Protein backbone atom coordinates (compact mmCIF):
# COMPACT_ATOMS: atom_id res chain seq x y z
CA MET A 1 76.20 -187.80 -46.07
CA THR A 2 74.47 -186.63 -43.24
CA PHE A 3 72.47 -188.19 -40.43
CA ILE A 4 69.50 -186.44 -37.85
CA TYR A 5 68.48 -188.62 -35.11
CA GLN A 6 65.65 -187.78 -33.08
CA ARG A 7 63.80 -189.61 -29.74
CA SER A 8 60.12 -190.70 -30.22
CA TYR A 9 58.31 -191.47 -27.66
CA ARG A 10 56.90 -194.88 -27.05
CA GLY A 11 55.37 -195.31 -24.58
CA LYS A 12 51.01 -194.77 -22.98
CA ILE A 13 49.24 -192.30 -22.81
CA GLN A 14 49.43 -190.77 -19.48
CA ALA A 15 46.53 -188.16 -18.91
CA VAL A 16 43.79 -187.34 -20.66
CA LEU A 17 42.85 -183.78 -20.62
CA LEU A 18 38.44 -182.98 -20.61
CA ASP A 19 37.43 -179.42 -21.21
CA TRP A 20 34.01 -178.75 -18.97
CA ALA A 21 31.02 -177.20 -20.77
CA GLY A 22 29.82 -179.35 -23.85
CA THR A 23 32.31 -182.53 -23.17
CA THR A 24 31.71 -183.19 -19.33
CA MET A 25 28.44 -181.56 -18.13
CA ASP A 26 25.83 -178.84 -19.89
CA PHE A 27 24.97 -180.56 -23.21
CA GLY A 28 24.37 -178.70 -25.19
CA CYS A 29 27.32 -175.76 -23.72
CA ILE A 30 23.87 -173.24 -22.95
CA ALA A 31 25.29 -172.21 -19.66
CA PRO A 32 27.94 -169.40 -20.88
CA ALA A 33 25.57 -168.90 -24.60
CA VAL A 34 22.59 -167.81 -22.68
CA VAL A 35 24.53 -165.67 -20.29
CA PHE A 36 26.22 -163.67 -22.77
CA VAL A 37 22.81 -163.28 -25.21
CA GLU A 38 21.67 -161.05 -21.90
CA VAL A 39 24.56 -159.10 -21.28
CA PHE A 40 24.55 -157.95 -24.54
CA LYS A 41 20.47 -157.60 -24.55
CA ARG A 42 20.77 -155.27 -21.57
CA GLN A 43 23.10 -152.99 -23.70
CA GLY A 44 20.07 -152.56 -26.57
CA VAL A 45 21.58 -154.70 -29.35
CA PRO A 46 20.82 -157.76 -29.40
CA ILE A 47 22.57 -160.27 -30.86
CA SER A 48 22.07 -164.55 -31.82
CA MET A 49 23.10 -167.40 -30.10
CA GLU A 50 25.16 -168.00 -33.33
CA GLU A 51 27.16 -164.95 -32.51
CA ALA A 52 27.22 -165.52 -29.16
CA ARG A 53 28.65 -168.65 -29.93
CA ALA A 54 31.40 -167.97 -32.56
CA PRO A 55 34.05 -167.47 -30.08
CA MET A 56 33.23 -170.41 -27.43
CA GLY A 57 36.34 -171.63 -26.04
CA ALA A 58 37.98 -168.33 -24.93
CA HIS A 59 38.23 -167.05 -21.10
CA LYS A 60 35.09 -164.95 -21.15
CA ARG A 61 35.90 -161.66 -21.03
CA VAL A 62 38.13 -162.24 -24.17
CA HIS A 63 34.56 -163.97 -24.83
CA ILE A 64 32.94 -160.58 -24.75
CA GLN A 65 35.27 -158.89 -26.62
CA ARG A 66 35.73 -161.27 -29.46
CA ILE A 67 31.72 -160.79 -29.57
CA THR A 68 32.05 -156.89 -29.99
CA GLU A 69 34.74 -157.29 -32.84
CA LEU A 70 31.87 -159.23 -35.17
CA ASP A 71 30.54 -156.70 -38.35
CA SER A 72 27.57 -157.51 -37.61
CA VAL A 73 27.33 -156.46 -34.02
CA ARG A 74 29.75 -154.38 -34.32
CA ALA A 75 27.01 -152.25 -37.01
CA ARG A 76 24.39 -152.97 -34.74
CA TRP A 77 26.23 -151.25 -31.60
CA GLN A 78 26.95 -148.30 -33.82
CA ALA A 79 23.27 -147.82 -34.97
CA LYS A 80 22.20 -147.58 -31.12
CA HIS A 81 24.86 -145.76 -29.98
CA GLY A 82 26.96 -143.64 -32.55
CA ARG A 83 29.98 -144.97 -32.05
CA PRO A 84 31.62 -148.32 -31.83
CA PRO A 85 32.19 -150.54 -28.93
CA ASN A 86 35.05 -150.09 -27.26
CA ASP A 87 37.32 -151.56 -24.09
CA ALA A 88 35.50 -149.92 -21.34
CA ASP A 89 32.30 -151.07 -22.92
CA VAL A 90 33.20 -154.90 -22.59
CA SER A 91 35.14 -154.53 -19.04
CA LYS A 92 31.58 -153.08 -18.32
CA MET A 93 29.40 -156.32 -19.70
CA PHE A 94 32.38 -158.55 -18.11
CA GLU A 95 31.15 -157.39 -15.02
CA GLU A 96 27.65 -158.22 -15.61
CA PHE A 97 28.42 -161.74 -16.81
CA VAL A 98 30.38 -162.94 -13.98
CA PRO A 99 27.33 -162.55 -11.27
CA LEU A 100 24.79 -164.04 -14.40
CA GLN A 101 27.06 -167.16 -15.09
CA LEU A 102 27.30 -167.46 -11.54
CA GLU A 103 23.62 -167.43 -10.12
CA CYS A 104 22.37 -170.28 -13.39
CA LEU A 105 25.98 -172.36 -14.17
CA SER A 106 24.29 -174.85 -11.28
CA GLU A 107 21.05 -174.66 -14.12
CA TYR A 108 23.10 -176.28 -16.35
CA SER A 109 25.81 -178.30 -14.43
CA GLU A 110 23.96 -182.01 -14.71
CA LEU A 111 26.92 -184.66 -16.40
CA ILE A 112 26.71 -185.78 -20.19
CA PRO A 113 25.08 -189.24 -19.89
CA GLY A 114 28.37 -191.21 -20.64
CA ALA A 115 30.87 -189.03 -18.88
CA LEU A 116 31.21 -190.78 -15.79
CA ASP A 117 32.27 -194.25 -17.47
CA ALA A 118 34.53 -192.91 -19.88
CA VAL A 119 36.16 -190.98 -17.28
CA LYS A 120 36.37 -194.52 -15.23
CA ALA A 121 37.26 -196.74 -18.50
CA MET A 122 40.43 -194.22 -18.68
CA ARG A 123 41.00 -194.64 -14.83
CA ALA A 124 41.14 -198.39 -15.13
CA ARG A 125 43.92 -197.62 -17.71
CA GLY A 126 45.71 -195.79 -15.41
CA TYR A 127 45.42 -192.46 -16.69
CA LYS A 128 45.55 -189.28 -14.97
CA ILE A 129 42.30 -186.89 -15.30
CA GLY A 130 42.81 -183.14 -16.35
CA SER A 131 40.84 -180.71 -17.41
CA THR A 132 41.20 -176.52 -18.39
CA THR A 133 38.19 -174.22 -19.02
CA GLY A 134 37.40 -170.90 -20.54
CA TYR A 135 34.67 -170.07 -17.03
CA THR A 136 36.97 -168.04 -13.87
CA THR A 137 38.01 -169.92 -10.72
CA GLU A 138 34.95 -168.54 -9.06
CA MET A 139 32.54 -169.90 -11.92
CA MET A 140 34.38 -173.19 -11.07
CA LYS A 141 34.19 -173.17 -7.58
CA ILE A 142 30.32 -174.61 -8.23
CA ASN A 143 31.10 -176.96 -11.32
CA LEU A 144 33.31 -178.90 -9.61
CA LYS A 145 31.46 -178.93 -5.99
CA ASP A 146 28.26 -179.89 -8.61
CA ALA A 147 30.35 -182.30 -10.36
CA LYS A 148 31.73 -184.30 -6.98
CA ARG A 149 28.25 -184.54 -5.94
CA GLN A 150 27.08 -186.86 -9.54
CA GLY A 151 30.59 -188.68 -8.97
CA TYR A 152 33.03 -186.79 -11.12
CA GLU A 153 36.23 -185.55 -10.27
CA PRO A 154 39.71 -184.60 -12.32
CA ASP A 155 43.05 -184.59 -10.79
CA ALA A 156 43.89 -181.20 -11.66
CA THR A 157 41.59 -177.98 -13.06
CA VAL A 158 42.97 -175.13 -15.15
CA CYS A 159 40.62 -171.97 -15.37
CA ALA A 160 41.82 -169.10 -18.10
CA SER A 161 41.94 -166.88 -15.29
CA ASP A 162 44.78 -169.08 -13.73
CA VAL A 163 47.62 -168.70 -17.04
CA PRO A 164 48.62 -165.27 -18.74
CA ALA A 165 46.58 -166.06 -21.39
CA GLY A 166 43.35 -168.43 -22.49
CA ARG A 167 42.89 -170.54 -25.49
CA PRO A 168 43.96 -171.23 -28.62
CA LEU A 169 47.23 -170.56 -26.86
CA PRO A 170 48.76 -173.40 -24.63
CA TYR A 171 49.49 -172.22 -20.92
CA MET A 172 46.46 -174.01 -19.52
CA CYS A 173 47.32 -177.50 -20.97
CA LEU A 174 50.99 -177.09 -19.90
CA LYS A 175 50.00 -176.32 -16.55
CA ASN A 176 47.88 -179.36 -16.34
CA VAL A 177 51.10 -181.21 -17.47
CA ILE A 178 53.06 -179.53 -14.45
CA ASP A 179 49.99 -179.96 -11.79
CA LEU A 180 49.70 -183.96 -13.26
CA GLY A 181 53.73 -184.25 -13.44
CA VAL A 182 53.36 -186.23 -16.58
CA SER A 183 55.98 -185.66 -19.36
CA PRO A 184 56.08 -185.97 -22.47
CA VAL A 185 53.28 -184.01 -23.77
CA GLU A 186 52.73 -185.95 -26.49
CA ALA A 187 51.52 -188.24 -23.48
CA CYS A 188 48.76 -186.36 -23.63
CA VAL A 189 45.15 -185.96 -25.16
CA LYS A 190 43.13 -182.85 -24.88
CA ILE A 191 39.58 -183.50 -25.64
CA ASP A 192 37.37 -180.40 -26.21
CA ASP A 193 34.07 -179.63 -28.03
CA THR A 194 35.16 -176.27 -28.94
CA ARG A 195 37.21 -175.14 -31.69
CA PRO A 196 39.61 -173.05 -30.06
CA GLY A 197 39.84 -175.97 -27.31
CA VAL A 198 41.08 -177.94 -30.56
CA GLU A 199 43.71 -175.44 -31.12
CA GLU A 200 45.13 -175.13 -27.90
CA GLY A 201 45.88 -179.20 -27.18
CA LEU A 202 47.63 -178.71 -30.48
CA ASN A 203 49.96 -175.51 -30.06
CA ALA A 204 50.70 -177.99 -26.14
CA GLY A 205 52.00 -180.53 -28.97
CA MET A 206 49.15 -182.56 -27.62
CA TRP A 207 47.05 -185.44 -29.53
CA THR A 208 43.28 -184.06 -30.07
CA ILE A 209 40.06 -185.15 -30.17
CA GLY A 210 37.21 -183.16 -31.00
CA LEU A 211 33.18 -183.63 -29.81
CA ALA A 212 30.88 -182.17 -32.66
CA ILE A 213 27.20 -183.40 -31.29
CA SER A 214 27.20 -182.65 -27.25
CA GLY A 215 28.73 -179.65 -27.22
CA ASN A 216 29.38 -175.82 -29.01
CA GLU A 217 29.18 -176.82 -32.37
CA ILE A 218 26.04 -177.76 -32.42
CA GLY A 219 24.47 -176.26 -29.41
CA LEU A 220 21.25 -177.97 -28.89
CA THR A 221 20.87 -179.91 -25.16
CA LEU A 222 20.03 -183.63 -25.35
CA ALA A 223 16.61 -183.15 -25.75
CA GLU A 224 16.56 -180.46 -28.61
CA TRP A 225 18.72 -182.68 -30.22
CA LYS A 226 16.85 -185.93 -30.18
CA LYS A 227 13.24 -183.92 -31.41
CA LEU A 228 15.69 -183.31 -34.90
CA ALA A 229 14.78 -185.79 -37.94
CA LYS A 230 17.62 -188.06 -38.35
CA ALA A 231 18.17 -186.46 -41.74
CA GLU A 232 18.78 -182.87 -39.90
CA GLN A 233 20.77 -184.54 -37.31
CA GLU A 234 23.12 -185.94 -39.84
CA ARG A 235 23.28 -182.94 -41.90
CA ARG A 236 24.47 -180.59 -38.87
CA ARG A 237 26.87 -184.02 -37.60
CA GLN A 238 28.42 -183.39 -41.25
CA ALA A 239 29.05 -179.73 -40.54
CA ALA A 240 30.43 -179.95 -36.99
CA TYR A 241 32.66 -182.84 -38.23
CA THR A 242 33.88 -180.61 -40.68
CA ARG A 243 34.17 -177.68 -39.09
CA MET A 244 36.35 -179.73 -36.17
CA TYR A 245 38.42 -181.47 -38.54
CA GLN A 246 39.66 -178.00 -40.13
CA SER A 247 40.59 -176.90 -36.84
CA GLY A 248 43.31 -179.71 -36.64
CA ALA A 249 41.19 -182.54 -34.20
CA HIS A 250 43.38 -185.65 -34.83
CA TYR A 251 40.02 -187.55 -34.29
CA VAL A 252 36.58 -186.36 -34.12
CA VAL A 253 33.73 -188.27 -32.54
CA ASP A 254 29.79 -187.75 -31.61
CA ASP A 255 30.33 -187.25 -27.72
CA ILE A 256 32.95 -188.37 -24.65
CA THR A 257 31.38 -192.16 -24.96
CA GLY A 258 32.93 -192.32 -28.33
CA VAL A 259 36.31 -191.25 -27.68
CA MET A 260 38.07 -195.00 -26.84
CA PRO A 261 38.42 -196.50 -29.76
CA CYS A 262 40.27 -192.87 -30.34
CA LEU A 263 42.36 -193.44 -27.07
CA ASP A 264 43.24 -196.97 -28.44
CA ASP A 265 44.40 -195.57 -31.91
CA ILE A 266 46.51 -193.32 -30.27
CA GLU A 267 48.37 -195.93 -28.01
CA ALA A 268 49.09 -198.13 -31.00
CA ARG A 269 50.40 -194.80 -32.95
CA LEU A 270 53.07 -193.58 -29.94
CA ARG A 271 53.76 -197.40 -30.14
CA ARG A 272 55.09 -197.36 -33.72
CA GLY A 273 56.75 -194.26 -32.37
CA GLU A 274 54.18 -191.20 -34.53
CA ARG A 275 53.87 -188.17 -32.44
CA PRO A 276 50.57 -185.65 -32.76
């Protein structure tokens, strides 16, 4: 008879890793989306907000590249320029994107209602707070300053430009693990409003919680969301929950205010020896 023995972690959650736009600030993840629309408009190729949001969560240059790979966008680019978009076009648009994004970030840096209370509750349990983002280091300086002014200051922040590659690869999450000094990875929870952000956490071996309403999946400001009829809210909510679960999220909630019961359940599962 042959037996295999497997070690299991049965301790508590040690760290929670939070995304930024759409998770802790900028309800609806508006700031990057409006700039993506603008940079393509400047090339004479209009894109829809849905097309602008499709790759959300990736490094911003990669995001632009992935927009150019959409069949609908490539067809419009071909019609306008007589050729498909190339790498030089992506570089040019990224160069235009950076100053435009820097200019407007503070317009969308208000913390999502309830974010401070949620982080306070996490800290009360002894969790360290890390963060990952598709923004560059230069962009994050603005967000970090605006967040600190409102009372939010994570223990670690890792940008896509700080690691070899961004989401959905796990490098930003793993650098958080190093910077926070926590171990093992199954003692960490990644919370994100984008599907690549959920995949990032999964690829790092962490528990994941997807946020369906406050970020990219719905893509509306809080005021716009509240104006929707209840039936329309529910239709969009169910579609967003489905997409998040299909990305592999262990849990899905509306926004950061709903994560504490999920963390309770993860703690219970860890005590039973379960892994993500």
